[in-house]
C-alpha atoms as a PDB file:
ATOM      1  CA  MET A   1     -29.909  24.813 -25.131  1.00  0.00           C
ATOM      2  CA  GLN A   2     -27.960  21.531 -25.204  1.00  0.00           C
ATOM      3  CA  ALA A   3     -24.931  23.335 -26.531  1.00  0.00           C
ATOM      4  CA  GLU A   4     -25.255  25.950 -23.807  1.00  0.00           C
ATOM      5  CA  LEU A   5     -25.390  23.238 -21.138  1.00  0.00           C
ATOM      6  CA  SER A   6     -22.487  21.178 -22.403  1.00  0.00           C
ATOM      7  CA  PHE A   7     -19.759  20.401 -19.889  1.00  0.00           C
ATOM      8  CA  LEU A   8     -17.154  22.569 -21.619  1.00  0.00           C
ATOM      9  CA  ASP A   9     -19.439  25.599 -21.853  1.00  0.00           C
ATOM     10  CA  LEU A  10     -20.503  25.245 -18.231  1.00  0.00           C
ATOM     11  CA  PHE A  11     -16.832  25.035 -17.197  1.00  0.00           C
ATOM     12  CA  LEU A  12     -15.934  28.127 -19.220  1.00  0.00           C
ATOM     13  CA  GLN A  13     -18.871  30.094 -17.781  1.00  0.00           C
ATOM     14  CA  ALA A  14     -18.056  29.162 -14.181  1.00  0.00           C
ATOM     15  CA  SER A  15     -16.365  31.616 -11.860  1.00  0.00           C
ATOM     16  CA  LEU A  16     -12.594  31.504 -11.398  1.00  0.00           C
ATOM     17  CA  LEU A  17     -12.819  29.812  -7.999  1.00  0.00           C
ATOM     18  CA  VAL A  18     -15.158  27.094  -9.302  1.00  0.00           C
ATOM     19  CA  LYS A  19     -12.828  26.514 -12.274  1.00  0.00           C
ATOM     20  CA  LEU A  20      -9.887  26.093  -9.883  1.00  0.00           C
ATOM     21  CA  VAL A  21     -11.930  23.637  -7.832  1.00  0.00           C
ATOM     22  CA  MET A  22     -12.777  21.612 -10.933  1.00  0.00           C
ATOM     23  CA  LEU A  23      -9.155  21.558 -12.103  1.00  0.00           C
ATOM     24  CA  LEU A  24      -8.005  20.506  -8.651  1.00  0.00           C
ATOM     25  CA  LEU A  25     -10.526  17.677  -8.582  1.00  0.00           C
ATOM     26  CA  LEU A  26      -9.527  16.597 -12.073  1.00  0.00           C
ATOM     27  CA  ALA A  27      -5.875  16.497 -10.950  1.00  0.00           C
ATOM     28  CA  MET A  28      -6.805  14.498  -7.834  1.00  0.00           C
ATOM     29  CA  SER A  29      -8.787  12.057  -9.948  1.00  0.00           C
ATOM     30  CA  VAL A  30      -5.827  11.530 -12.306  1.00  0.00           C
ATOM     31  CA  VAL A  31      -3.449  10.993  -9.386  1.00  0.00           C
ATOM     32  CA  GLY A  32      -5.915   8.622  -7.767  1.00  0.00           C
ATOM     33  CA  TRP A  33      -6.230   6.462 -10.866  1.00  0.00           C
ATOM     34  CA  MET A  34      -2.454   6.401 -11.310  1.00  0.00           C
ATOM     35  CA  LEU A  35      -2.044   5.188  -7.752  1.00  0.00           C
ATOM     36  CA  ILE A  36      -4.781   2.617  -8.186  1.00  0.00           C
ATOM     37  CA  PHE A  37      -3.053   0.999 -11.171  1.00  0.00           C
ATOM     38  CA  GLN A  38       0.398   1.307  -9.560  1.00  0.00           C
ATOM     39  CA  ARG A  39      -0.588  -0.126  -6.174  1.00  0.00           C
ATOM     40  CA  GLY A  40      -2.699  -2.861  -7.785  1.00  0.00           C
ATOM     41  CA  LYS A  41       0.262  -4.050  -9.860  1.00  0.00           C
ATOM     42  CA  ILE A  42       2.695  -3.932  -6.899  1.00  0.00           C
ATOM     43  CA  LEU A  43       0.391  -5.785  -4.484  1.00  0.00           C
ATOM     44  CA  LYS A  44      -0.445  -8.437  -7.107  1.00  0.00           C
ATOM     45  CA  GLN A  45       3.267  -8.991  -7.699  1.00  0.00           C
ATOM     46  CA  ALA A  46       3.978  -9.143  -3.937  1.00  0.00           C
ATOM     47  CA  GLN A  47       1.307 -11.770  -3.386  1.00  0.00           C
ATOM     48  CA  SER A  48       2.523 -13.820  -6.336  1.00  0.00           C
ATOM     49  CA  ASP A  49       6.152 -13.630  -5.141  1.00  0.00           C
ATOM     50  CA  ALA A  50       5.127 -14.750  -1.640  1.00  0.00           C
ATOM     51  CA  LEU A  51       3.286 -17.805  -2.947  1.00  0.00           C
ATOM     52  CA  LYS A  52       6.182 -18.745  -5.259  1.00  0.00           C
ATOM     53  CA  PHE A  53       8.724 -18.447  -2.463  1.00  0.00           C
ATOM     54  CA  GLU A  54       6.606 -20.481  -0.039  1.00  0.00           C
ATOM     55  CA  ASP A  55       6.353 -23.260  -2.629  1.00  0.00           C
ATOM     56  CA  ARG A  56      10.132 -23.162  -3.031  1.00  0.00           C
ATOM     57  CA  PHE A  57      10.788 -22.989   0.694  1.00  0.00           C
ATOM     58  CA  TRP A  58       8.538 -25.920   1.605  1.00  0.00           C
ATOM     59  CA  SER A  59       9.714 -28.065  -1.321  1.00  0.00           C
ATOM     60  CA  GLY A  60      12.483 -29.526   0.859  1.00  0.00           C
ATOM     61  CA  VAL A  61      15.298 -27.436  -0.569  1.00  0.00           C
ATOM     62  CA  ASP A  62      18.393 -27.067   1.581  1.00  0.00           C
ATOM     63  CA  LEU A  63      18.175 -23.743   3.407  1.00  0.00           C
ATOM     64  CA  ALA A  64      21.856 -22.966   2.956  1.00  0.00           C
ATOM     65  CA  ARG A  65      21.526 -23.501  -0.767  1.00  0.00           C
ATOM     66  CA  LEU A  66      18.396 -21.353  -0.907  1.00  0.00           C
ATOM     67  CA  TYR A  67      20.222 -18.638   0.992  1.00  0.00           C
ATOM     68  CA  GLN A  68      23.083 -18.702  -1.506  1.00  0.00           C
ATOM     69  CA  GLU A  69      20.648 -18.446  -4.425  1.00  0.00           C
ATOM     70  CA  ILE A  70      18.970 -15.408  -2.925  1.00  0.00           C
ATOM     71  CA  SER A  71      22.300 -13.819  -1.925  1.00  0.00           C
ATOM     72  CA  ALA A  72      23.423 -14.036  -5.570  1.00  0.00           C
ATOM     73  CA  ARG A  73      20.562 -11.690  -6.495  1.00  0.00           C
ATOM     74  CA  ALA A  74      20.237  -9.869  -3.174  1.00  0.00           C
ATOM     75  CA  LYS A  75      19.638  -6.492  -4.863  1.00  0.00           C
ATOM     76  CA  ASN A  76      16.511  -7.829  -6.534  1.00  0.00           C
ATOM     77  CA  SER A  77      15.195  -9.649  -3.431  1.00  0.00           C
ATOM     78  CA  ARG A  78      11.928  -8.470  -1.962  1.00  0.00           C
ATOM     79  CA  GLY A  79       9.070  -9.575   0.193  1.00  0.00           C
ATOM     80  CA  MET A  80       9.326 -13.028   1.771  1.00  0.00           C
ATOM     81  CA  GLU A  81      12.675 -13.663   0.101  1.00  0.00           C
ATOM     82  CA  LEU A  82      14.097 -10.658   1.912  1.00  0.00           C
ATOM     83  CA  LEU A  83      12.704 -11.856   5.242  1.00  0.00           C
ATOM     84  CA  PHE A  84      14.317 -15.262   4.758  1.00  0.00           C
ATOM     85  CA  HIS A  85      17.618 -13.709   3.684  1.00  0.00           C
ATOM     86  CA  ALA A  86      17.736 -11.404   6.715  1.00  0.00           C
ATOM     87  CA  GLY A  87      16.890 -14.183   9.161  1.00  0.00           C
ATOM     88  CA  PHE A  88      19.199 -16.843   7.753  1.00  0.00           C
ATOM     89  CA  LYS A  89      22.057 -14.390   7.387  1.00  0.00           C
ATOM     90  CA  GLU A  90      21.914 -13.621  11.110  1.00  0.00           C
ATOM     91  CA  PHE A  91      21.512 -17.300  11.889  1.00  0.00           C
ATOM     92  CA  ALA A  92      24.559 -18.273   9.783  1.00  0.00           C
ATOM     93  CA  ARG A  93      26.622 -15.525  11.377  1.00  0.00           C
ATOM     94  CA  LEU A  94      25.927 -16.639  14.937  1.00  0.00           C
ATOM     95  CA  ARG A  95      25.657 -20.426  14.728  1.00  0.00           C
ATOM     96  CA  ASN A  96      29.442 -20.786  14.288  1.00  0.00           C
ATOM     97  CA  ASN A  97      30.035 -18.750  17.432  1.00  0.00           C
ATOM     98  CA  PRO A  98      30.925 -21.312  20.137  1.00  0.00           C
ATOM     99  CA  VAL A  99      29.610 -19.139  22.955  1.00  0.00           C
ATOM    100  CA  ALA A 100      26.293 -18.247  21.299  1.00  0.00           C
ATOM    101  CA  GLN A 101      23.276 -19.875  22.945  1.00  0.00           C
ATOM    102  CA  PRO A 102      20.454 -21.323  20.804  1.00  0.00           C
ATOM    103  CA  GLU A 103      17.959 -18.900  22.281  1.00  0.00           C
ATOM    104  CA  ALA A 104      20.216 -15.934  21.453  1.00  0.00           C
ATOM    105  CA  ILE A 105      20.675 -17.150  17.863  1.00  0.00           C
ATOM    106  CA  THR A 106      16.962 -17.548  17.169  1.00  0.00           C
ATOM    107  CA  GLU A 107      16.154 -14.239  18.907  1.00  0.00           C
ATOM    108  CA  ALA A 108      18.707 -12.409  16.767  1.00  0.00           C
ATOM    109  CA  SER A 109      17.299 -13.999  13.628  1.00  0.00           C
ATOM    110  CA  PHE A 110      13.792 -13.091  14.678  1.00  0.00           C
ATOM    111  CA  ARG A 111      14.754  -9.438  15.260  1.00  0.00           C
ATOM    112  CA  ALA A 112      16.473  -9.255  11.852  1.00  0.00           C
ATOM    113  CA  MET A 113      13.359 -10.590  10.157  1.00  0.00           C
ATOM    114  CA  ARG A 114      11.117  -8.223  12.080  1.00  0.00           C
ATOM    115  CA  VAL A 115      13.137  -5.241  10.851  1.00  0.00           C
ATOM    116  CA  ALA A 116      12.974  -6.506   7.279  1.00  0.00           C
ATOM    117  CA  HIS A 117       9.242  -7.203   7.732  1.00  0.00           C
ATOM    118  CA  SER A 118       8.603  -3.645   8.910  1.00  0.00           C
ATOM    119  CA  ARG A 119      10.381  -2.214   5.871  1.00  0.00           C
ATOM    120  CA  GLU A 120       8.523  -4.469   3.459  1.00  0.00           C
ATOM    121  CA  THR A 121       5.167  -3.597   5.027  1.00  0.00           C
ATOM    122  CA  ASP A 122       5.975   0.090   4.676  1.00  0.00           C
ATOM    123  CA  LYS A 123       6.620  -0.480   0.960  1.00  0.00           C
ATOM    124  CA  LEU A 124       3.269  -2.244   0.566  1.00  0.00           C
ATOM    125  CA  GLU A 125       1.457   0.565   2.345  1.00  0.00           C
ATOM    126  CA  ALA A 126       3.164   3.351   0.394  1.00  0.00           C
ATOM    127  CA  ASN A 127       0.743   5.907  -1.083  1.00  0.00           C
ATOM    128  CA  LEU A 128      -2.305   4.261   0.465  1.00  0.00           C
ATOM    129  CA  SER A 129      -2.676   7.318   2.704  1.00  0.00           C
ATOM    130  CA  THR A 130      -2.774   9.482  -0.417  1.00  0.00           C
ATOM    131  CA  LEU A 131      -5.669   7.380  -1.768  1.00  0.00           C
ATOM    132  CA  ALA A 132      -7.436   7.721   1.560  1.00  0.00           C
ATOM    133  CA  THR A 133      -6.942  11.489   1.513  1.00  0.00           C
ATOM    134  CA  ILE A 134      -8.319  11.782  -2.040  1.00  0.00           C
ATOM    135  CA  GLY A 135     -11.302   9.661  -1.105  1.00  0.00           C
ATOM    136  CA  SER A 136     -12.103  11.634   2.023  1.00  0.00           C
ATOM    137  CA  ILE A 137     -11.619  15.240   0.973  1.00  0.00           C
ATOM    138  CA  SER A 138     -12.685  15.213  -2.717  1.00  0.00           C
ATOM    139  CA  PRO A 139     -16.435  15.343  -1.940  1.00  0.00           C
ATOM    140  CA  TYR A 140     -15.918  18.264   0.404  1.00  0.00           C
ATOM    141  CA  ILE A 141     -13.867  20.171  -2.151  1.00  0.00           C
ATOM    142  CA  GLY A 142     -16.574  19.512  -4.748  1.00  0.00           C
ATOM    143  CA  LEU A 143     -19.256  20.599  -2.304  1.00  0.00           C
ATOM    144  CA  PHE A 144     -17.351  23.806  -1.626  1.00  0.00           C
ATOM    145  CA  GLY A 145     -17.277  24.529  -5.343  1.00  0.00           C
ATOM    146  CA  THR A 146     -20.993  23.782  -5.601  1.00  0.00           C
ATOM    147  CA  VAL A 147     -21.915  26.060  -2.699  1.00  0.00           C
ATOM    148  CA  TRP A 148     -19.767  28.858  -4.091  1.00  0.00           C
ATOM    149  CA  GLY A 149     -21.230  28.473  -7.581  1.00  0.00           C
ATOM    150  CA  ILE A 150     -24.853  28.427  -6.353  1.00  0.00           C
ATOM    151  CA  MET A 151     -24.174  31.441  -4.147  1.00  0.00           C
ATOM    152  CA  ASN A 152     -22.861  33.395  -7.104  1.00  0.00           C
ATOM    153  CA  ALA A 153     -25.834  32.239  -9.235  1.00  0.00           C
ATOM    154  CA  PHE A 154     -28.313  33.579  -6.673  1.00  0.00           C
ATOM    155  CA  ILE A 155     -26.364  36.821  -6.270  1.00  0.00           C
ATOM    156  CA  ALA A 156     -26.569  37.298 -10.043  1.00  0.00           C
ATOM    157  CA  LEU A 157     -30.313  36.535  -9.958  1.00  0.00           C
ATOM    158  CA  GLY A 158     -30.776  39.177  -7.301  1.00  0.00           C
ATOM    159  CA  ALA A 159     -29.541  41.805  -9.724  1.00  0.00           C
ATOM    160  CA  VAL A 160     -32.338  41.167 -12.256  1.00  0.00           C
ATOM    161  CA  GLN A 161     -36.022  41.992 -11.861  1.00  0.00           C
ATOM    162  CA  GLN A 162     -37.434  38.816 -13.347  1.00  0.00           C
ATOM    163  CA  ALA A 163     -35.719  35.393 -13.060  1.00  0.00           C
ATOM    164  CA  THR A 164     -36.425  32.587 -15.495  1.00  0.00           C
ATOM    165  CA  LEU A 165     -35.455  28.914 -15.547  1.00  0.00           C
ATOM    166  CA  SER A 166     -33.066  29.532 -18.445  1.00  0.00           C
ATOM    167  CA  MET A 167     -31.240  32.041 -16.244  1.00  0.00           C
ATOM    168  CA  VAL A 168     -31.121  29.827 -13.161  1.00  0.00           C
ATOM    169  CA  ALA A 169     -30.282  26.460 -14.767  1.00  0.00           C
ATOM    170  CA  PRO A 170     -26.758  27.207 -16.152  1.00  0.00           C
ATOM    171  CA  GLY A 171     -25.519  28.639 -12.871  1.00  0.00           C
ATOM    172  CA  ILE A 172     -26.833  25.716 -10.815  1.00  0.00           C
ATOM    173  CA  ALA A 173     -25.631  23.147 -13.382  1.00  0.00           C
ATOM    174  CA  GLU A 174     -22.093  24.510 -13.437  1.00  0.00           C
ATOM    175  CA  ALA A 175     -22.073  24.466  -9.664  1.00  0.00           C
ATOM    176  CA  LEU A 176     -23.281  20.864  -9.413  1.00  0.00           C
ATOM    177  CA  ILE A 177     -20.532  19.724 -11.781  1.00  0.00           C
ATOM    178  CA  ALA A 178     -18.046  20.405  -8.973  1.00  0.00           C
ATOM    179  CA  THR A 179     -19.867  17.951  -6.700  1.00  0.00           C
ATOM    180  CA  ALA A 180     -20.053  15.374  -9.469  1.00  0.00           C
ATOM    181  CA  MET A 181     -16.320  15.659 -10.076  1.00  0.00           C
ATOM    182  CA  GLY A 182     -15.655  15.362  -6.360  1.00  0.00           C
ATOM    183  CA  LEU A 183     -17.618  12.116  -6.217  1.00  0.00           C
ATOM    184  CA  PHE A 184     -15.956  10.879  -9.388  1.00  0.00           C
ATOM    185  CA  ALA A 185     -12.565  11.340  -7.746  1.00  0.00           C
ATOM    186  CA  ALA A 186     -13.592  10.015  -4.317  1.00  0.00           C
ATOM    187  CA  ILE A 187     -15.553   6.831  -5.080  1.00  0.00           C
ATOM    188  CA  PRO A 188     -12.789   4.900  -6.928  1.00  0.00           C
ATOM    189  CA  ALA A 189     -10.204   6.073  -4.382  1.00  0.00           C
ATOM    190  CA  VAL A 190     -12.250   4.842  -1.431  1.00  0.00           C
ATOM    191  CA  ILE A 191     -13.021   1.488  -3.087  1.00  0.00           C
ATOM    192  CA  ALA A 192      -9.361   0.989  -4.023  1.00  0.00           C
ATOM    193  CA  TYR A 193      -8.139   2.021  -0.585  1.00  0.00           C
ATOM    194  CA  ASN A 194     -10.385  -0.511   1.180  1.00  0.00           C
ATOM    195  CA  ARG A 195      -9.447  -3.259  -1.258  1.00  0.00           C
ATOM    196  CA  PHE A 196      -5.736  -2.538  -1.084  1.00  0.00           C
ATOM    197  CA  THR A 197      -5.790  -2.308   2.729  1.00  0.00           C
ATOM    198  CA  HIS A 198      -7.327  -5.780   2.859  1.00  0.00           C
ATOM    199  CA  ARG A 199      -4.740  -7.131   0.442  1.00  0.00           C
ATOM    200  CA  VAL A 200      -1.873  -5.586   2.406  1.00  0.00           C
ATOM    201  CA  GLU A 201      -3.230  -7.116   5.591  1.00  0.00           C
ATOM    202  CA  LYS A 202      -3.453 -10.504   3.911  1.00  0.00           C
ATOM    203  CA  ILE A 203       0.141 -10.327   2.593  1.00  0.00           C
ATOM    204  CA  ASP A 204       1.337  -9.056   5.955  1.00  0.00           C
ATOM    205  CA  ASN A 205      -0.254 -12.069   7.669  1.00  0.00           C
ATOM    206  CA  GLN A 206       1.606 -14.306   5.226  1.00  0.00           C
ATOM    207  CA  TYR A 207       4.872 -12.616   6.204  1.00  0.00           C
ATOM    208  CA  ILE A 208       4.155 -12.970   9.942  1.00  0.00           C
ATOM    209  CA  ASN A 209       3.226 -16.639   9.612  1.00  0.00           C
ATOM    210  CA  PHE A 210       6.382 -17.320   7.626  1.00  0.00           C
ATOM    211  CA  ILE A 211       8.531 -15.574  10.237  1.00  0.00           C
ATOM    212  CA  GLU A 212       7.050 -17.655  13.040  1.00  0.00           C
ATOM    213  CA  GLU A 213       7.442 -20.913  11.111  1.00  0.00           C
ATOM    214  CA  PHE A 214      10.986 -20.077  10.014  1.00  0.00           C
ATOM    215  CA  VAL A 215      12.011 -19.123  13.561  1.00  0.00           C
ATOM    216  CA  ALA A 216      10.701 -22.499  14.774  1.00  0.00           C
ATOM    217  CA  ILE A 217      12.874 -24.225  12.138  1.00  0.00           C
ATOM    218  CA  LEU A 218      15.949 -22.224  13.113  1.00  0.00           C
ATOM    219  CA  GLN A 219      15.296 -22.952  16.747  1.00  0.00           C
ATOM    220  CA  ARG A 220      15.198 -26.713  16.100  1.00  0.00           C
ATOM    221  CA  GLN A 221      18.431 -26.502  14.126  1.00  0.00           C
ATOM    222  CA  SER A 222      20.121 -24.464  16.868  1.00  0.00           C
ATOM    223  CA  LEU A 223      19.069 -26.898  19.575  1.00  0.00           C
ATOM    224  CA  SER A 224      20.108 -29.846  17.437  1.00  0.00           C
ATOM    225  CA  LYS A 225      23.551 -28.379  16.893  1.00  0.00           C
ATOM    226  CA  ALA A 226      23.935 -27.471  20.546  1.00  0.00           C
ATOM    227  CA  SER A 227      22.952 -31.019  21.529  1.00  0.00           C
ATOM    228  CA  LYS A 228      25.444 -32.446  19.060  1.00  0.00           C
ATOM    229  CA  LYS A 229      28.233 -30.254  20.467  1.00  0.00           C
ATOM    230  CA  SER A 230      27.348 -31.337  23.987  1.00  0.00           C
ATOM    231  CA  THR A 231      27.464 -35.015  22.998  1.00  0.00           C
ATOM    232  CA  GLU A 232      30.833 -34.592  21.293  1.00  0.00           C
ATOM    233  CA  SER A 233      32.203 -32.792  24.342  1.00  0.00           C
ATOM    234  CA  GLU A 234      31.059 -35.631  26.646  1.00  0.00           C
ATOM    235  CA  ASP A 235      32.670 -38.229  24.317  1.00  0.00           C
ATOM    236  CA  ILE A 236      35.948 -36.342  24.391  1.00  0.00           C
ATOM    237  CA  GLN A 237      35.914 -36.150  28.172  1.00  0.00           C
ATOM    238  CA  ALA A 238      35.115 -39.803  28.438  1.00  0.00           C
END
C-alpha cells in the first residue's frame, strides 16, 4: 500500500490535466526560490553599499574629490553612489554659470537625483511582482488540480457497483498533492515578498533622506558662492 501511495506513483496515476498542474506548480516553485535567493542577495548588497557610502560621505571627505573617485568607476556605480554622482554632476555643471541662481542650481541637482532615485528603486523592485503573482495564484492553481482530480475520482467510482477505501484513497490523495504543491510554492513566495518589500522600503527611505540632506548641503554651497561673488562685486565697484 505504501508503494502504491508514494508521490511518484500518485503522480504517474494522475490524469493528464492534474499532471500538468503539478508540473506547472513545480516550475513556479523553482522560479520562486531562484528569485528569493537572487533578490535577497541584491537587496543585502544594496543596503551594505548604502551604509558604506554614507560612512564615506559623512567622514568629511571633499565632495569634489569623492565625485572624481566615483566618476573614475562610473560604470560600476549604483545605489546611493549613483544618486550622489547625478546630483553633484549637475551641481558642478551649473555652479560655474555666472547667470545661474542658487535656487536653480539646487533644483536642477534635486531633479537629477530624483531621476536616478527612480531608476534605482525600479531595480530594487524588479521581479517582486513575479513573487507576488506566484504567492497569490499558486494555491488557486493547486486547488483547481485538486477539484479536477477529485471529480475524476468520483466519476470513476460511479462506474463501479461497490466502492472501497482502497479505491477511493489513491484518487483523492493524488488530487490533494496538487493543493500541497500549490501551498509549497505560495508560502515561501509570500513570506519573501513581504520581507523584500519591507527591505526595499527601508533602502528607499535611506535614498530619500540622503537626497534631502545632500540638497541642503548643495544649497548652502550655492548660497555661499553667490554671497562671495556679490561681496567681490561690491569691492570692485568700491
